[in-house]
Amino acid sequence: MTFTLRRLAATLLATVLTLASATPALPSSTLATDAVRDAITAIANAPTPAQDARAAAIAQAATQVSAPIAATRSTGRSAVVRATAYNSLAAQTDSTPFITATGTRVRNGVVALSRDLLRLFPYGTRITIQDLSGRYNFGNQVFIVEDTMAARKVNSLDIWMPSRNQALQFGARSVRITAVR
């Protein structure tokens, strides 16, 4: 087990160092530095099915611990966008699949926006999502903008989901996102 963790940490560290110039800079606080250091020592570059199941179990527990915030607050800016879903696989993200663009760990409630939408809904914005087709119900869940999509994407939103199967089932659809004040 120790050998595996060392090997995974070494692989992740090498990948992070090679992509350092292509990824956005993390905040210079010691909290961000400690979070990245902890992630390097604990995360595999390409999760095995057992690790994917463990990530799903952790996300499920996190959902049970923190109940969704009711969206009864006043609302702000709104936009209709194309929504897809992603999960923590290197094939769907960059080489650090469990770390967002803001340096936090992925979890339920995290969304990535295309760069054009980040001007309207900057990092840290709390949003609600309404599926315009009516097939998917998000309830009163509030999402937080903490990640960025590829530069080629425009007017798009990506919702993090704990498993690949859930992301595939979500598919692509039109949604209305609204900032919660």
N, C-alpha and C. Protein backbone atom coordinates (compact mmCIF):
# COMPACT_ATOMS: atom_id res chain seq x y z
N MET A 1 0.82 -1.19 0.00
CA MET A 1 0.00 0.00 0.00
C MET A 1 0.87 1.25 0.00
N THR A 2 1.94 1.26 0.82
CA THR A 2 2.83 2.41 0.89
C THR A 2 3.52 2.64 -0.44
N PHE A 3 3.95 1.54 -1.09
CA PHE A 3 4.59 1.67 -2.39
C PHE A 3 3.64 2.29 -3.41
N THR A 4 2.37 1.85 -3.39
CA THR A 4 1.38 2.38 -4.32
C THR A 4 1.17 3.87 -4.10
N LEU A 5 1.03 4.29 -2.85
CA LEU A 5 0.84 5.72 -2.58
C LEU A 5 2.05 6.53 -3.00
N ARG A 6 3.27 6.00 -2.76
CA ARG A 6 4.48 6.72 -3.20
C ARG A 6 4.51 6.84 -4.71
N ARG A 7 4.19 5.74 -5.40
CA ARG A 7 4.20 5.77 -6.85
C ARG A 7 3.15 6.75 -7.39
N LEU A 8 1.96 6.74 -6.78
CA LEU A 8 0.90 7.64 -7.23
C LEU A 8 1.29 9.09 -6.97
N ALA A 9 1.87 9.35 -5.80
CA ALA A 9 2.29 10.71 -5.48
C ALA A 9 3.38 11.18 -6.44
N ALA A 10 4.33 10.29 -6.76
CA ALA A 10 5.40 10.67 -7.68
C ALA A 10 4.85 10.94 -9.07
N THR A 11 3.93 10.11 -9.53
CA THR A 11 3.32 10.31 -10.85
C THR A 11 2.55 11.62 -10.90
N LEU A 12 1.75 11.88 -9.87
CA LEU A 12 0.97 13.10 -9.84
C LEU A 12 1.86 14.33 -9.75
N LEU A 13 2.92 14.26 -8.95
CA LEU A 13 3.84 15.39 -8.84
C LEU A 13 4.50 15.68 -10.18
N ALA A 14 4.92 14.64 -10.90
CA ALA A 14 5.54 14.84 -12.21
C ALA A 14 4.56 15.47 -13.18
N THR A 15 3.31 15.04 -13.16
CA THR A 15 2.30 15.59 -14.05
C THR A 15 2.01 17.04 -13.72
N VAL A 16 1.90 17.34 -12.43
CA VAL A 16 1.63 18.72 -12.02
C VAL A 16 2.77 19.64 -12.45
N LEU A 17 4.00 19.18 -12.30
CA LEU A 17 5.13 20.01 -12.68
C LEU A 17 5.19 20.25 -14.18
N THR A 18 4.81 19.25 -14.99
CA THR A 18 4.85 19.44 -16.44
C THR A 18 3.73 20.34 -16.93
N LEU A 19 2.61 20.38 -16.20
CA LEU A 19 1.48 21.19 -16.63
C LEU A 19 1.38 22.52 -15.89
N ALA A 20 2.35 22.84 -15.07
CA ALA A 20 2.29 24.05 -14.25
C ALA A 20 2.14 25.31 -15.10
N SER A 21 2.78 25.34 -16.26
CA SER A 21 2.68 26.54 -17.09
C SER A 21 1.36 26.63 -17.82
N ALA A 22 0.63 25.51 -17.99
CA ALA A 22 -0.62 25.52 -18.75
C ALA A 22 -1.84 25.70 -17.85
N THR A 23 -1.70 25.53 -16.55
CA THR A 23 -2.85 25.64 -15.67
C THR A 23 -2.85 26.98 -14.97
N PRO A 24 -4.04 27.43 -14.55
CA PRO A 24 -4.09 28.72 -13.85
C PRO A 24 -3.34 28.65 -12.54
N ALA A 25 -2.78 29.76 -12.13
CA ALA A 25 -2.03 29.82 -10.88
C ALA A 25 -2.99 29.69 -9.71
N LEU A 26 -2.56 28.96 -8.69
CA LEU A 26 -3.35 28.81 -7.48
C LEU A 26 -3.11 30.00 -6.57
N PRO A 27 -4.04 30.26 -5.68
CA PRO A 27 -3.81 31.33 -4.71
C PRO A 27 -2.53 31.07 -3.93
N SER A 28 -1.85 32.11 -3.52
CA SER A 28 -0.55 31.96 -2.88
C SER A 28 -0.65 31.67 -1.39
N SER A 29 -1.83 31.44 -0.88
CA SER A 29 -1.98 31.21 0.55
C SER A 29 -1.44 29.84 0.93
N THR A 30 -1.09 29.70 2.19
CA THR A 30 -0.59 28.41 2.68
C THR A 30 -1.69 27.37 2.66
N LEU A 31 -2.94 27.78 2.77
CA LEU A 31 -4.05 26.84 2.71
C LEU A 31 -4.08 26.14 1.35
N ALA A 32 -3.95 26.91 0.28
CA ALA A 32 -3.94 26.32 -1.06
C ALA A 32 -2.71 25.44 -1.25
N THR A 33 -1.57 25.87 -0.75
CA THR A 33 -0.35 25.08 -0.87
C THR A 33 -0.50 23.76 -0.13
N ASP A 34 -1.04 23.81 1.08
CA ASP A 34 -1.25 22.58 1.85
C ASP A 34 -2.25 21.67 1.16
N ALA A 35 -3.32 22.23 0.59
CA ALA A 35 -4.33 21.42 -0.10
C ALA A 35 -3.72 20.71 -1.30
N VAL A 36 -2.90 21.42 -2.07
CA VAL A 36 -2.26 20.80 -3.24
C VAL A 36 -1.28 19.72 -2.78
N ARG A 37 -0.50 19.99 -1.75
CA ARG A 37 0.45 19.01 -1.24
C ARG A 37 -0.28 17.75 -0.77
N ASP A 38 -1.39 17.93 -0.05
CA ASP A 38 -2.18 16.78 0.41
C ASP A 38 -2.76 16.01 -0.77
N ALA A 39 -3.22 16.74 -1.79
CA ALA A 39 -3.80 16.08 -2.96
C ALA A 39 -2.75 15.27 -3.72
N ILE A 40 -1.53 15.81 -3.80
CA ILE A 40 -0.46 15.11 -4.52
C ILE A 40 -0.14 13.80 -3.83
N THR A 41 -0.17 13.78 -2.52
CA THR A 41 0.18 12.56 -1.81
C THR A 41 -0.96 11.55 -1.76
N ALA A 42 -2.21 11.97 -2.03
CA ALA A 42 -3.35 11.07 -1.82
C ALA A 42 -4.12 10.69 -3.08
N ILE A 43 -3.82 11.30 -4.23
CA ILE A 43 -4.66 11.08 -5.40
C ILE A 43 -3.90 10.34 -6.49
N ALA A 44 -4.58 9.42 -7.13
CA ALA A 44 -4.00 8.68 -8.25
C ALA A 44 -4.22 9.46 -9.54
N ASN A 45 -3.32 9.32 -10.50
CA ASN A 45 -3.46 9.99 -11.78
C ASN A 45 -4.65 9.43 -12.57
N ALA A 46 -4.79 8.13 -12.58
CA ALA A 46 -5.93 7.50 -13.26
C ALA A 46 -6.58 6.54 -12.26
N PRO A 47 -7.73 6.91 -11.70
CA PRO A 47 -8.33 6.09 -10.67
C PRO A 47 -8.77 4.71 -11.18
N THR A 48 -8.59 3.74 -10.32
CA THR A 48 -9.06 2.39 -10.63
C THR A 48 -10.55 2.32 -10.33
N PRO A 49 -11.23 1.27 -10.77
CA PRO A 49 -12.66 1.16 -10.44
C PRO A 49 -12.92 1.21 -8.94
N ALA A 50 -12.02 0.65 -8.13
CA ALA A 50 -12.20 0.69 -6.68
C ALA A 50 -12.11 2.13 -6.18
N GLN A 51 -11.19 2.93 -6.75
CA GLN A 51 -11.05 4.32 -6.34
C GLN A 51 -12.26 5.13 -6.79
N ASP A 52 -12.81 4.81 -7.99
CA ASP A 52 -13.99 5.50 -8.48
C ASP A 52 -15.17 5.22 -7.55
N ALA A 53 -15.30 3.97 -7.09
CA ALA A 53 -16.36 3.61 -6.15
C ALA A 53 -16.16 4.33 -4.82
N ARG A 54 -14.90 4.45 -4.38
CA ARG A 54 -14.61 5.15 -3.13
C ARG A 54 -14.97 6.63 -3.25
N ALA A 55 -14.64 7.26 -4.39
CA ALA A 55 -14.98 8.66 -4.60
C ALA A 55 -16.49 8.85 -4.59
N ALA A 56 -17.23 7.91 -5.17
CA ALA A 56 -18.69 7.98 -5.16
C ALA A 56 -19.22 7.87 -3.74
N ALA A 57 -18.62 6.99 -2.93
CA ALA A 57 -19.06 6.82 -1.55
C ALA A 57 -18.77 8.09 -0.73
N ILE A 58 -17.61 8.72 -0.97
CA ILE A 58 -17.27 9.95 -0.26
C ILE A 58 -18.23 11.07 -0.65
N ALA A 59 -18.54 11.17 -1.94
CA ALA A 59 -19.47 12.19 -2.40
C ALA A 59 -20.86 11.97 -1.83
N GLN A 60 -21.28 10.71 -1.73
CA GLN A 60 -22.58 10.39 -1.15
C GLN A 60 -22.61 10.81 0.32
N ALA A 61 -21.55 10.53 1.05
CA ALA A 61 -21.48 10.91 2.47
C ALA A 61 -21.49 12.42 2.62
N ALA A 62 -20.79 13.12 1.73
CA ALA A 62 -20.76 14.58 1.80
C ALA A 62 -22.14 15.16 1.57
N THR A 63 -22.92 14.54 0.68
CA THR A 63 -24.27 15.00 0.41
C THR A 63 -25.14 14.84 1.64
N GLN A 64 -24.97 13.72 2.37
CA GLN A 64 -25.78 13.48 3.54
C GLN A 64 -25.40 14.41 4.68
N VAL A 65 -24.11 14.78 4.78
CA VAL A 65 -23.66 15.63 5.87
C VAL A 65 -24.14 17.06 5.69
N SER A 66 -24.00 17.60 4.47
CA SER A 66 -24.40 18.98 4.24
C SER A 66 -25.67 19.01 3.40
N ALA A 67 -26.76 19.34 4.02
CA ALA A 67 -28.04 19.40 3.31
C ALA A 67 -28.01 20.55 2.32
N PRO A 68 -28.71 20.42 1.20
CA PRO A 68 -28.73 21.51 0.22
C PRO A 68 -29.31 22.79 0.82
N ILE A 69 -28.75 23.89 0.39
CA ILE A 69 -29.21 25.19 0.85
C ILE A 69 -30.49 25.54 0.09
N ALA A 70 -31.50 25.94 0.77
CA ALA A 70 -32.76 26.28 0.11
C ALA A 70 -32.56 27.53 -0.72
N ALA A 71 -33.10 27.53 -1.91
CA ALA A 71 -32.93 28.64 -2.83
C ALA A 71 -34.05 29.65 -2.67
N THR A 72 -34.31 30.03 -1.44
CA THR A 72 -35.38 30.98 -1.18
C THR A 72 -34.86 32.40 -1.14
N ARG A 73 -33.55 32.57 -1.32
CA ARG A 73 -32.96 33.91 -1.30
C ARG A 73 -33.30 34.64 -2.58
N SER A 74 -33.07 35.94 -2.55
CA SER A 74 -33.31 36.70 -3.77
C SER A 74 -32.32 36.26 -4.85
N THR A 75 -32.75 36.32 -6.08
CA THR A 75 -31.92 35.83 -7.19
C THR A 75 -31.39 37.00 -7.99
N GLY A 76 -30.33 36.73 -8.72
CA GLY A 76 -29.68 37.76 -9.51
C GLY A 76 -29.67 37.42 -10.99
N ARG A 77 -28.54 37.58 -11.60
CA ARG A 77 -28.32 37.37 -13.01
C ARG A 77 -28.71 35.96 -13.43
N SER A 78 -29.22 35.81 -14.67
CA SER A 78 -29.68 34.52 -15.17
C SER A 78 -29.24 34.35 -16.61
N ALA A 79 -29.02 33.08 -17.03
CA ALA A 79 -28.63 32.79 -18.41
C ALA A 79 -29.07 31.39 -18.78
N VAL A 80 -29.39 31.18 -20.05
CA VAL A 80 -29.71 29.85 -20.57
C VAL A 80 -28.46 29.32 -21.25
N VAL A 81 -28.00 28.14 -20.82
CA VAL A 81 -26.74 27.58 -21.30
C VAL A 81 -26.91 26.10 -21.61
N ARG A 82 -25.91 25.53 -22.28
CA ARG A 82 -25.85 24.10 -22.55
C ARG A 82 -25.13 23.44 -21.38
N ALA A 83 -25.77 22.42 -20.79
CA ALA A 83 -25.19 21.76 -19.62
C ALA A 83 -24.81 20.33 -19.95
N THR A 84 -23.65 19.92 -19.46
CA THR A 84 -23.19 18.54 -19.53
C THR A 84 -22.69 18.18 -18.13
N ALA A 85 -22.23 16.94 -17.97
CA ALA A 85 -21.71 16.51 -16.67
C ALA A 85 -20.34 15.88 -16.88
N TYR A 86 -19.53 15.91 -15.83
CA TYR A 86 -18.21 15.28 -15.88
C TYR A 86 -17.93 14.64 -14.54
N ASN A 87 -16.93 13.76 -14.51
CA ASN A 87 -16.49 13.20 -13.24
C ASN A 87 -14.97 13.19 -13.24
N SER A 88 -14.39 12.69 -12.18
CA SER A 88 -12.95 12.83 -11.97
C SER A 88 -12.12 11.77 -12.68
N LEU A 89 -12.08 11.84 -13.99
CA LEU A 89 -11.20 10.99 -14.78
C LEU A 89 -10.28 11.90 -15.59
N ALA A 90 -9.02 11.51 -15.70
CA ALA A 90 -8.07 12.33 -16.45
C ALA A 90 -8.50 12.51 -17.90
N ALA A 91 -9.24 11.55 -18.45
CA ALA A 91 -9.69 11.67 -19.83
C ALA A 91 -10.74 12.78 -19.99
N GLN A 92 -11.43 13.13 -18.92
CA GLN A 92 -12.47 14.16 -18.98
C GLN A 92 -12.00 15.50 -18.42
N THR A 93 -10.84 15.50 -17.80
CA THR A 93 -10.31 16.72 -17.18
C THR A 93 -8.85 16.86 -17.56
N ASP A 94 -8.11 17.65 -16.81
CA ASP A 94 -6.66 17.71 -17.02
C ASP A 94 -6.01 16.61 -16.17
N SER A 95 -4.74 16.69 -15.94
CA SER A 95 -4.04 15.63 -15.23
C SER A 95 -4.26 15.66 -13.72
N THR A 96 -4.97 16.65 -13.22
CA THR A 96 -5.31 16.69 -11.80
C THR A 96 -6.83 16.64 -11.68
N PRO A 97 -7.40 15.46 -11.88
CA PRO A 97 -8.86 15.37 -12.00
C PRO A 97 -9.64 15.66 -10.72
N PHE A 98 -9.00 15.66 -9.56
CA PHE A 98 -9.73 15.90 -8.32
C PHE A 98 -9.56 17.33 -7.80
N ILE A 99 -8.81 18.18 -8.53
CA ILE A 99 -8.57 19.55 -8.10
C ILE A 99 -9.23 20.50 -9.11
N THR A 100 -10.00 21.47 -8.61
CA THR A 100 -10.67 22.43 -9.48
C THR A 100 -9.70 23.55 -9.86
N ALA A 101 -10.14 24.43 -10.72
CA ALA A 101 -9.31 25.57 -11.14
C ALA A 101 -9.01 26.52 -9.99
N THR A 102 -9.87 26.51 -8.97
CA THR A 102 -9.65 27.39 -7.82
C THR A 102 -8.81 26.72 -6.73
N GLY A 103 -8.41 25.47 -6.95
CA GLY A 103 -7.56 24.77 -6.00
C GLY A 103 -8.30 23.95 -4.96
N THR A 104 -9.62 23.86 -5.06
CA THR A 104 -10.40 23.05 -4.12
C THR A 104 -10.59 21.65 -4.69
N ARG A 105 -11.04 20.73 -3.85
CA ARG A 105 -11.33 19.37 -4.31
C ARG A 105 -12.73 19.31 -4.90
N VAL A 106 -12.91 18.48 -5.93
CA VAL A 106 -14.24 18.30 -6.50
C VAL A 106 -15.14 17.62 -5.49
N ARG A 107 -16.43 17.94 -5.56
CA ARG A 107 -17.44 17.37 -4.66
C ARG A 107 -18.80 17.70 -5.25
N ASN A 108 -19.84 17.12 -4.67
CA ASN A 108 -21.19 17.44 -5.13
C ASN A 108 -21.43 18.93 -4.98
N GLY A 109 -22.05 19.53 -5.98
CA GLY A 109 -22.35 20.95 -5.95
C GLY A 109 -21.33 21.82 -6.66
N VAL A 110 -20.27 21.22 -7.21
CA VAL A 110 -19.25 21.98 -7.94
C VAL A 110 -19.61 22.00 -9.42
N VAL A 111 -19.51 23.17 -10.03
CA VAL A 111 -19.73 23.29 -11.47
C VAL A 111 -18.55 24.01 -12.12
N ALA A 112 -18.36 23.70 -13.40
CA ALA A 112 -17.36 24.39 -14.22
C ALA A 112 -18.11 25.20 -15.27
N LEU A 113 -17.64 26.40 -15.51
CA LEU A 113 -18.26 27.26 -16.53
C LEU A 113 -17.26 27.52 -17.65
N SER A 114 -17.80 27.77 -18.84
CA SER A 114 -16.94 28.20 -19.94
C SER A 114 -16.42 29.60 -19.61
N ARG A 115 -15.32 29.95 -20.22
CA ARG A 115 -14.65 31.21 -19.88
C ARG A 115 -15.52 32.44 -20.14
N ASP A 116 -16.37 32.40 -21.16
CA ASP A 116 -17.23 33.54 -21.44
C ASP A 116 -18.26 33.75 -20.33
N LEU A 117 -18.73 32.66 -19.70
CA LEU A 117 -19.70 32.79 -18.61
C LEU A 117 -19.05 33.20 -17.29
N LEU A 118 -17.73 32.97 -17.16
CA LEU A 118 -17.04 33.38 -15.94
C LEU A 118 -17.07 34.90 -15.77
N ARG A 119 -17.26 35.63 -16.85
CA ARG A 119 -17.37 37.09 -16.74
C ARG A 119 -18.67 37.48 -16.03
N LEU A 120 -19.74 36.69 -16.27
CA LEU A 120 -21.04 36.96 -15.65
C LEU A 120 -21.18 36.30 -14.27
N PHE A 121 -20.60 35.11 -14.13
CA PHE A 121 -20.69 34.33 -12.90
C PHE A 121 -19.27 33.95 -12.47
N PRO A 122 -18.54 34.84 -11.79
CA PRO A 122 -17.14 34.57 -11.44
C PRO A 122 -17.03 33.44 -10.41
N TYR A 123 -15.78 32.96 -10.21
CA TYR A 123 -15.53 31.91 -9.23
C TYR A 123 -16.16 32.27 -7.89
N GLY A 124 -16.75 31.28 -7.24
CA GLY A 124 -17.38 31.48 -5.95
C GLY A 124 -18.85 31.85 -6.01
N THR A 125 -19.36 32.13 -7.22
CA THR A 125 -20.76 32.48 -7.36
C THR A 125 -21.63 31.26 -7.05
N ARG A 126 -22.65 31.46 -6.26
CA ARG A 126 -23.61 30.40 -5.96
C ARG A 126 -24.75 30.51 -6.97
N ILE A 127 -25.08 29.38 -7.60
CA ILE A 127 -26.11 29.38 -8.64
C ILE A 127 -27.11 28.26 -8.40
N THR A 128 -28.31 28.44 -8.95
CA THR A 128 -29.28 27.36 -9.02
C THR A 128 -29.40 26.95 -10.49
N ILE A 129 -29.79 25.71 -10.72
CA ILE A 129 -29.90 25.19 -12.09
C ILE A 129 -31.31 24.66 -12.29
N GLN A 130 -31.93 25.07 -13.39
CA GLN A 130 -33.27 24.59 -13.74
C GLN A 130 -33.20 23.94 -15.11
N ASP A 131 -33.52 22.65 -15.18
CA ASP A 131 -33.52 21.92 -16.45
C ASP A 131 -34.73 22.37 -17.26
N LEU A 132 -34.50 22.93 -18.44
CA LEU A 132 -35.60 23.45 -19.24
C LEU A 132 -36.45 22.35 -19.87
N SER A 133 -35.91 21.14 -20.00
CA SER A 133 -36.70 20.03 -20.55
C SER A 133 -37.59 19.40 -19.48
N GLY A 134 -37.28 19.63 -18.20
CA GLY A 134 -38.07 19.07 -17.12
C GLY A 134 -37.75 17.62 -16.79
N ARG A 135 -36.75 17.03 -17.45
CA ARG A 135 -36.43 15.62 -17.21
C ARG A 135 -35.56 15.43 -15.97
N TYR A 136 -34.83 16.44 -15.54
CA TYR A 136 -33.91 16.30 -14.42
C TYR A 136 -34.26 17.35 -13.37
N ASN A 137 -34.46 16.92 -12.14
CA ASN A 137 -34.87 17.83 -11.07
C ASN A 137 -33.70 18.04 -10.11
N PHE A 138 -33.22 19.26 -10.02
CA PHE A 138 -32.14 19.59 -9.09
C PHE A 138 -32.68 20.01 -7.73
N GLY A 139 -33.99 20.14 -7.62
CA GLY A 139 -34.58 20.57 -6.35
C GLY A 139 -34.11 21.97 -6.00
N ASN A 140 -33.82 22.17 -4.72
CA ASN A 140 -33.35 23.47 -4.25
C ASN A 140 -31.84 23.50 -4.09
N GLN A 141 -31.13 22.59 -4.74
CA GLN A 141 -29.68 22.52 -4.57
C GLN A 141 -29.01 23.77 -5.12
N VAL A 142 -28.04 24.27 -4.37
CA VAL A 142 -27.25 25.43 -4.79
C VAL A 142 -25.87 24.93 -5.18
N PHE A 143 -25.40 25.32 -6.35
CA PHE A 143 -24.10 24.92 -6.87
C PHE A 143 -23.13 26.09 -6.73
N ILE A 144 -21.84 25.77 -6.70
CA ILE A 144 -20.80 26.81 -6.59
C ILE A 144 -19.88 26.73 -7.80
N VAL A 145 -19.62 27.86 -8.43
CA VAL A 145 -18.71 27.92 -9.58
C VAL A 145 -17.28 27.86 -9.05
N GLU A 146 -16.58 26.74 -9.32
CA GLU A 146 -15.21 26.59 -8.84
C GLU A 146 -14.26 26.05 -9.90
N ASP A 147 -14.76 25.79 -11.10
CA ASP A 147 -13.92 25.18 -12.11
C ASP A 147 -14.16 25.84 -13.46
N THR A 148 -13.25 25.58 -14.40
CA THR A 148 -13.30 26.16 -15.74
C THR A 148 -13.30 25.06 -16.77
N MET A 149 -13.98 25.28 -17.87
CA MET A 149 -14.01 24.32 -18.97
C MET A 149 -12.89 24.65 -19.97
N ALA A 150 -12.73 23.78 -20.94
CA ALA A 150 -11.73 23.99 -21.99
C ALA A 150 -12.02 25.30 -22.73
N ALA A 151 -10.98 25.91 -23.26
CA ALA A 151 -11.10 27.22 -23.91
C ALA A 151 -12.03 27.19 -25.13
N ARG A 152 -12.15 26.05 -25.77
CA ARG A 152 -13.00 25.97 -26.98
C ARG A 152 -14.49 25.98 -26.66
N LYS A 153 -14.87 25.74 -25.41
CA LYS A 153 -16.27 25.70 -25.01
C LYS A 153 -16.80 27.11 -24.79
N VAL A 154 -18.02 27.37 -25.26
CA VAL A 154 -18.68 28.66 -25.04
C VAL A 154 -20.11 28.41 -24.59
N ASN A 155 -20.63 29.33 -23.76
CA ASN A 155 -21.99 29.26 -23.25
C ASN A 155 -22.33 27.87 -22.70
N SER A 156 -21.41 27.32 -21.91
CA SER A 156 -21.56 25.95 -21.41
C SER A 156 -21.29 25.85 -19.91
N LEU A 157 -21.91 24.83 -19.33
CA LEU A 157 -21.78 24.53 -17.91
C LEU A 157 -21.51 23.04 -17.79
N ASP A 158 -20.62 22.66 -16.89
CA ASP A 158 -20.31 21.26 -16.60
C ASP A 158 -20.58 21.02 -15.13
N ILE A 159 -21.38 20.01 -14.81
CA ILE A 159 -21.73 19.69 -13.43
C ILE A 159 -20.91 18.48 -13.01
N TRP A 160 -20.21 18.56 -11.87
CA TRP A 160 -19.44 17.41 -11.39
C TRP A 160 -20.37 16.38 -10.80
N MET A 161 -20.15 15.12 -11.18
CA MET A 161 -20.91 13.99 -10.65
C MET A 161 -19.93 12.93 -10.18
N PRO A 162 -20.29 12.17 -9.14
CA PRO A 162 -19.35 11.22 -8.54
C PRO A 162 -18.95 10.05 -9.43
N SER A 163 -19.77 9.66 -10.39
CA SER A 163 -19.42 8.50 -11.22
C SER A 163 -19.60 8.81 -12.69
N ARG A 164 -18.88 8.07 -13.50
CA ARG A 164 -18.96 8.23 -14.95
C ARG A 164 -20.36 7.88 -15.45
N ASN A 165 -20.96 6.86 -14.86
CA ASN A 165 -22.30 6.42 -15.27
C ASN A 165 -23.32 7.54 -15.05
N GLN A 166 -23.26 8.23 -13.91
CA GLN A 166 -24.17 9.33 -13.66
C GLN A 166 -23.97 10.46 -14.66
N ALA A 167 -22.71 10.73 -14.99
CA ALA A 167 -22.42 11.79 -15.95
C ALA A 167 -22.98 11.44 -17.33
N LEU A 168 -22.83 10.18 -17.74
CA LEU A 168 -23.36 9.76 -19.03
C LEU A 168 -24.88 9.81 -19.05
N GLN A 169 -25.52 9.41 -17.96
CA GLN A 169 -26.98 9.45 -17.89
C GLN A 169 -27.51 10.88 -17.97
N PHE A 170 -26.76 11.83 -17.42
CA PHE A 170 -27.19 13.22 -17.47
C PHE A 170 -27.20 13.72 -18.91
N GLY A 171 -26.19 13.37 -19.69
CA GLY A 171 -26.14 13.76 -21.09
C GLY A 171 -25.90 15.25 -21.27
N ALA A 172 -26.52 15.82 -22.30
CA ALA A 172 -26.42 17.25 -22.59
C ALA A 172 -27.83 17.81 -22.69
N ARG A 173 -28.03 18.99 -22.15
CA ARG A 173 -29.35 19.59 -22.15
C ARG A 173 -29.25 21.09 -21.94
N SER A 174 -30.33 21.79 -22.21
CA SER A 174 -30.39 23.23 -21.96
C SER A 174 -30.91 23.47 -20.56
N VAL A 175 -30.23 24.38 -19.85
CA VAL A 175 -30.64 24.71 -18.49
C VAL A 175 -30.60 26.22 -18.32
N ARG A 176 -31.32 26.69 -17.30
CA ARG A 176 -31.24 28.10 -16.92
C ARG A 176 -30.47 28.15 -15.60
N ILE A 177 -29.40 28.95 -15.58
CA ILE A 177 -28.65 29.13 -14.34
C ILE A 177 -28.97 30.54 -13.82
N THR A 178 -29.10 30.61 -12.51
CA THR A 178 -29.46 31.88 -11.88
C THR A 178 -28.58 32.07 -10.66
N ALA A 179 -27.97 33.23 -10.55
CA ALA A 179 -27.12 33.55 -9.39
C ALA A 179 -28.00 33.75 -8.17
N VAL A 180 -27.53 33.21 -7.04
CA VAL A 180 -28.25 33.36 -5.77
C VAL A 180 -27.48 34.38 -4.96
N ARG A 181 -28.15 35.39 -4.48
CA ARG A 181 -27.49 36.44 -3.70
C ARG A 181 -27.42 36.09 -2.26
